[in-house]
Protein backbone atom coordinates (compact mmCIF):
# COMPACT_ATOMS: atom_id res chain seq x y z
CA UNK A 1 -26.43 74.27 -82.09
CA UNK A 2 -29.08 72.15 -80.46
CA UNK A 3 -32.25 71.36 -82.32
CA UNK A 4 -35.62 71.64 -80.70
CA UNK A 5 -37.75 68.54 -81.00
CA UNK A 6 -41.35 69.51 -81.62
CA UNK A 7 -43.79 68.27 -79.04
CA UNK A 8 -46.02 65.45 -80.23
CA UNK A 9 -49.49 66.52 -81.25
CA UNK A 10 -52.10 65.66 -78.65
CA UNK A 11 -54.14 62.58 -79.41
CA UNK A 12 -57.63 63.32 -80.53
CA UNK A 13 -60.45 61.86 -78.55
CA UNK A 14 -62.56 59.09 -80.13
CA UNK A 15 -65.40 61.57 -80.37
CA UNK A 16 -63.27 63.99 -82.37
CA UNK A 17 -62.25 61.22 -84.75
CA UNK A 18 -65.83 60.19 -85.38
CA UNK A 19 -67.34 60.97 -88.78
CA UNK A 20 -69.35 64.14 -89.00
CA UNK A 21 -72.98 64.58 -89.89
CA UNK A 22 -75.32 61.62 -90.21
CA UNK A 23 -72.71 58.94 -89.52
CA UNK A 24 -71.54 60.68 -86.37
CA UNK A 25 -75.11 60.97 -85.09
CA UNK A 26 -75.79 57.29 -85.80
CA UNK A 27 -72.55 56.31 -84.07
CA UNK A 28 -73.44 58.32 -80.98
CA UNK A 29 -76.88 56.71 -80.87
CA UNK A 30 -75.27 53.28 -80.90
CA UNK A 31 -72.24 53.87 -78.69
CA UNK A 32 -72.81 56.88 -76.49
CA UNK A 33 -76.39 58.23 -76.41
CA UNK A 34 -75.63 60.03 -73.13
CA UNK A 35 -73.20 62.28 -74.99
CA UNK A 36 -75.93 63.04 -77.51
CA UNK A 37 -78.36 63.97 -74.73
CA UNK A 38 -75.66 66.19 -73.17
CA UNK A 39 -75.25 67.88 -76.54
CA UNK A 40 -79.01 68.47 -76.69
CA UNK A 41 -79.05 69.94 -73.20
CA UNK A 42 -76.09 72.22 -73.95
CA UNK A 43 -77.81 73.63 -77.04
CA UNK A 44 -75.81 75.39 -79.70
CA UNK A 45 -76.10 75.96 -83.44
CA UNK A 46 -75.73 72.25 -84.29
CA UNK A 47 -78.98 71.54 -82.44
CA UNK A 48 -80.99 72.83 -85.39
CA UNK A 49 -79.62 70.09 -87.65
CA UNK A 50 -80.00 67.28 -85.12
CA UNK A 51 -83.76 66.60 -85.53
CA UNK A 52 -83.36 65.84 -89.23
CA UNK A 53 -80.41 63.50 -88.62
CA UNK A 54 -82.21 61.64 -85.85
CA UNK A 55 -85.38 61.39 -87.94
CA UNK A 56 -83.42 59.89 -90.85
CA UNK A 57 -81.90 57.27 -88.51
CA UNK A 58 -85.36 56.39 -87.26
CA UNK A 59 -86.97 56.26 -90.71
CA UNK A 60 -84.18 54.06 -92.10
CA UNK A 61 -84.82 51.43 -89.43
CA UNK A 62 -88.61 51.59 -89.58
CA UNK A 63 -88.57 51.47 -93.37
CA UNK A 64 -86.22 48.48 -93.56
CA UNK A 65 -88.13 46.49 -90.97
CA UNK A 66 -91.47 47.44 -92.53
CA UNK A 67 -90.31 46.19 -95.91
CA UNK A 68 -89.22 42.85 -94.45
CA UNK A 69 -92.47 42.58 -92.52
CA UNK A 70 -94.53 42.94 -95.69
CA UNK A 71 -92.05 40.83 -97.67
CA UNK A 72 -93.24 37.77 -95.74
CA UNK A 73 -96.35 38.10 -97.91
CA UNK A 74 -94.92 39.47 -101.17
CA UNK A 75 -92.47 42.08 -102.50
CA UNK A 76 -95.43 44.35 -103.30
CA UNK A 77 -96.67 44.11 -99.72
CA UNK A 78 -93.16 44.97 -98.55
CA UNK A 79 -93.07 48.13 -100.67
CA UNK A 80 -96.43 49.15 -99.21
CA UNK A 81 -95.55 48.30 -95.60
CA UNK A 82 -92.26 50.23 -95.49
CA UNK A 83 -93.73 53.77 -95.72
CA UNK A 84 -96.63 52.73 -93.48
CA UNK A 85 -94.35 51.72 -90.62
CA UNK A 86 -92.31 54.89 -91.12
CA UNK A 87 -95.55 56.88 -90.83
CA UNK A 88 -96.52 55.02 -87.65
CA UNK A 89 -93.19 55.71 -85.96
CA UNK A 90 -92.79 59.38 -86.86
CA UNK A 91 -96.50 60.19 -86.94
CA UNK A 92 -97.14 58.84 -83.45
CA UNK A 93 -94.23 60.88 -82.16
CA UNK A 94 -95.57 64.04 -83.77
CA UNK A 95 -98.97 63.50 -82.15
CA UNK A 96 -97.47 62.89 -78.70
CA UNK A 97 -94.71 65.53 -78.70
CA UNK A 98 -96.82 68.33 -77.19
CA UNK A 99 -97.70 66.03 -74.27
CA UNK A 100 -94.02 65.26 -73.66
CA UNK A 101 -93.13 68.95 -73.54
CA UNK A 102 -96.05 69.77 -71.22
CA UNK A 103 -95.29 66.85 -68.86
CA UNK A 104 -91.66 67.88 -68.67
CA UNK A 105 -92.46 71.51 -67.91
CA UNK A 106 -94.93 70.52 -65.19
CA UNK A 107 -92.21 68.46 -63.50
CA UNK A 108 -89.63 71.21 -63.68
CA UNK A 109 -87.69 70.36 -66.85
CA UNK A 110 -86.01 73.47 -68.25
CA UNK A 111 -85.94 72.55 -71.91
CA UNK A 112 -87.01 74.44 -74.99
CA UNK A 113 -89.46 72.90 -77.44
CA UNK A 114 -86.57 72.09 -79.82
CA UNK A 115 -84.64 70.31 -77.07
CA UNK A 116 -87.71 68.27 -76.16
CA UNK A 117 -88.11 67.27 -79.81
CA UNK A 118 -84.45 66.23 -80.00
CA UNK A 119 -84.66 64.11 -76.87
CA UNK A 120 -87.77 62.32 -78.13
CA UNK A 121 -86.05 61.73 -81.47
CA UNK A 122 -83.07 60.22 -79.65
CA UNK A 123 -85.45 57.52 -78.37
CA UNK A 124 -87.06 57.10 -81.79
CA UNK A 125 -83.69 57.03 -83.57
CA UNK A 126 -82.47 54.34 -81.17
CA UNK A 127 -85.64 52.37 -81.87
CA UNK A 128 -85.05 52.66 -85.62
CA UNK A 129 -81.42 51.54 -85.41
CA UNK A 130 -82.46 48.64 -83.17
CA UNK A 131 -85.00 47.55 -85.78
CA UNK A 132 -82.30 47.83 -88.43
CA UNK A 133 -80.06 45.54 -86.38
CA UNK A 134 -82.95 43.09 -85.87
CA UNK A 135 -83.64 42.73 -89.60
CA UNK A 136 -81.42 39.62 -90.05
CA UNK A 137 -82.96 38.06 -86.94
CA UNK A 138 -86.43 38.76 -88.32
CA UNK A 139 -85.59 37.05 -91.60
CA UNK A 140 -84.56 33.89 -89.77
CA UNK A 141 -87.59 34.03 -87.48
CA UNK A 142 -90.11 34.61 -90.29
CA UNK A 143 -88.58 31.88 -92.45
CA UNK A 144 -88.83 29.47 -89.51
CA UNK A 145 -92.43 30.08 -88.43
CA UNK A 146 -94.17 31.30 -91.58
CA UNK A 147 -95.72 28.00 -92.60
CA UNK A 148 -99.44 27.19 -92.94
CA UNK A 149 -101.82 26.83 -91.28
CA UNK A 150 -100.66 28.76 -88.18
CA UNK A 151 -97.59 30.60 -89.51
CA UNK A 152 -99.51 33.81 -90.18
CA UNK A 153 -100.48 34.17 -86.53
CA UNK A 154 -96.91 33.53 -85.36
CA UNK A 155 -95.57 36.14 -87.79
CA UNK A 156 -98.06 38.73 -86.53
CA UNK A 157 -97.31 38.03 -82.87
CA UNK A 158 -93.57 38.04 -83.59
CA UNK A 159 -93.82 41.43 -85.28
CA UNK A 160 -95.40 42.89 -82.14
CA UNK A 161 -92.61 41.42 -80.00
CA UNK A 162 -89.84 42.77 -82.25
CA UNK A 163 -91.40 46.22 -82.49
CA UNK A 164 -92.13 46.31 -78.76
CA UNK A 165 -88.56 45.33 -77.89
CA UNK A 166 -87.10 48.03 -80.15
CA UNK A 167 -89.45 50.68 -78.75
CA UNK A 168 -88.66 49.76 -75.14
CA UNK A 169 -84.94 49.89 -75.88
CA UNK A 170 -85.32 53.38 -77.32
CA UNK A 171 -87.14 54.59 -74.21
CA UNK A 172 -84.67 52.82 -71.90
CA UNK A 173 -81.69 54.50 -73.55
CA UNK A 174 -83.31 57.91 -73.09
CA UNK A 175 -84.26 57.20 -69.47
CA UNK A 176 -80.74 56.05 -68.60
CA UNK A 177 -79.19 59.10 -70.26
CA UNK A 178 -81.44 61.42 -68.26
CA UNK A 179 -80.71 59.56 -65.02
CA UNK A 180 -76.98 59.94 -65.55
CA UNK A 181 -77.53 63.68 -65.67
CA UNK A 182 -79.61 63.58 -62.48
CA UNK A 183 -82.78 64.65 -64.26
CA UNK A 184 -86.32 63.49 -63.59
CA UNK A 185 -87.71 60.67 -65.73
CA UNK A 186 -91.21 60.45 -64.28
CA UNK A 187 -92.74 62.35 -67.19
CA UNK A 188 -91.18 59.86 -69.62
CA UNK A 189 -93.02 56.95 -68.00
CA UNK A 190 -96.41 58.61 -68.46
CA UNK A 191 -95.50 59.72 -71.97
CA UNK A 192 -94.30 56.23 -72.95
CA UNK A 193 -97.70 54.75 -72.10
CA UNK A 194 -99.40 57.46 -74.18
CA UNK A 195 -97.02 56.97 -77.11
CA UNK A 196 -97.56 53.20 -77.03
CA UNK A 197 -101.35 53.52 -77.19
CA UNK A 198 -101.22 56.12 -79.96
CA UNK A 199 -98.71 54.03 -81.91
CA UNK A 200 -100.85 50.89 -81.70
CA UNK A 201 -103.96 52.71 -82.87
CA UNK A 202 -102.11 54.46 -85.70
CA UNK A 203 -100.72 51.11 -86.86
CA UNK A 204 -104.30 49.82 -86.84
CA UNK A 205 -105.47 52.77 -88.94
CA UNK A 206 -102.92 52.25 -91.75
CA UNK A 207 -103.03 48.43 -91.80
CA UNK A 208 -102.44 45.92 -93.31
CA UNK A 209 -98.69 45.48 -93.11
CA UNK A 210 -98.83 41.85 -94.25
CA UNK A 211 -102.43 40.86 -94.90
CA UNK A 212 -104.05 37.48 -94.42
CA UNK A 213 -103.10 34.65 -96.79
CA UNK A 214 -105.58 34.09 -99.57
CA UNK A 215 -106.92 37.64 -99.51
CA UNK A 216 -106.12 40.30 -102.14
CA UNK A 217 -103.41 42.86 -101.35
CA UNK A 218 -105.00 46.19 -100.43
CA UNK A 219 -103.49 49.56 -99.54
CA UNK A 220 -105.72 50.29 -96.53
CA UNK A 221 -108.54 48.56 -94.74
CA UNK A 222 -111.78 50.12 -93.47
CA UNK A 223 -111.47 51.51 -89.95
CA UNK A 224 -113.46 49.46 -87.46
CA UNK A 225 -113.05 48.52 -83.80
CA UNK A 226 -109.61 49.20 -82.26
CA UNK A 227 -106.07 47.89 -82.15
CA UNK A 228 -106.58 46.53 -78.65
CA UNK A 229 -109.47 44.29 -79.74
CA UNK A 230 -107.32 43.00 -82.60
CA UNK A 231 -104.38 42.32 -80.26
CA UNK A 232 -106.65 40.25 -78.01
CA UNK A 233 -107.91 38.28 -81.00
CA UNK A 234 -104.36 37.69 -82.25
CA UNK A 235 -103.18 36.44 -78.85
CA UNK A 236 -106.17 34.10 -78.62
CA UNK A 237 -105.43 32.72 -82.09
CA UNK A 238 -101.81 31.98 -81.14
CA UNK A 239 -102.91 30.25 -77.94
CA UNK A 240 -105.43 28.16 -79.89
CA UNK A 241 -102.71 27.09 -82.32
CA UNK A 242 -100.44 26.04 -79.43
CA UNK A 243 -103.30 24.00 -77.96
CA UNK A 244 -103.51 21.99 -81.16
CA UNK A 245 -106.24 23.99 -82.82
CA UNK A 246 -106.00 24.94 -86.48
CA UNK A 247 -107.42 28.47 -86.77
CA UNK A 248 -108.07 29.66 -90.28
CA UNK A 249 -106.10 32.73 -91.38
CA UNK A 250 -109.31 34.21 -92.80
CA UNK A 251 -110.67 34.47 -89.25
CA UNK A 252 -108.64 37.66 -88.84
CA UNK A 253 -109.74 39.11 -92.16
CA UNK A 254 -112.34 41.86 -92.20
CA UNK A 255 -115.48 41.09 -94.09
CA UNK A 256 -119.21 41.60 -93.72
CA UNK A 257 -119.52 38.23 -92.01
CA UNK A 258 -116.77 38.69 -89.42
CA UNK A 259 -116.45 40.84 -86.36
CA UNK A 260 -114.57 44.13 -86.87
CA UNK A 261 -112.25 43.17 -84.01
CA UNK A 262 -111.01 40.24 -86.09
CA UNK A 263 -109.55 42.32 -88.91
CA UNK A 264 -105.98 41.39 -89.72
CA UNK A 265 -102.83 43.33 -89.16
């Protein structure tokens, strides 16, 4: 009597073997964001849980990088900076989300409000995970340049570069995923400019993240001028230091004797 050999079980795909829940979402953000965008476009019951998972990925990265940013001043500044940077990332997105949905609808995108939220959070989650990956690099950078009298200015300029790189990578991942699906990305370009301006101004509102050396640690500074004036002042201070000048850190500190545009980050 012949025995029947059972057929081998089909091999599961790498996606099926991936962990479920938060870990699976983080893995897709890192390895295959296009599959995540396809899942958003397809809809389904899991879509309701996706915004929370993506937001947690984003907040983890923003919080970790914010803590290290403030830690260049003190552990207390790090504990204060972490929730501030989380607020800047998620708060700016919340302010700009209606514009993203409207821009997309005007250009023919057939997405629900929930799908638009998920796609924006894919970009923000990628930004957060990028910041998380940059944390060791930031520690080396800050330890290298954070020396008086010009270290403060280099740390501030470096923080803008790191944050800008992570934000651009998040947008780029989303743009590429949409292009692979043959969808329009024009609305994302306009929305990215809006999100960048809102994010800079919100960061200015909740400053400082580090604070100038020699000044007391404060939770918030008075609102004066704008983030764009401060960015110009910061760039000028870095250029002066490269030219051999020795700008004083207090020149970026807000006081009754200084210009509001010179308030520190």
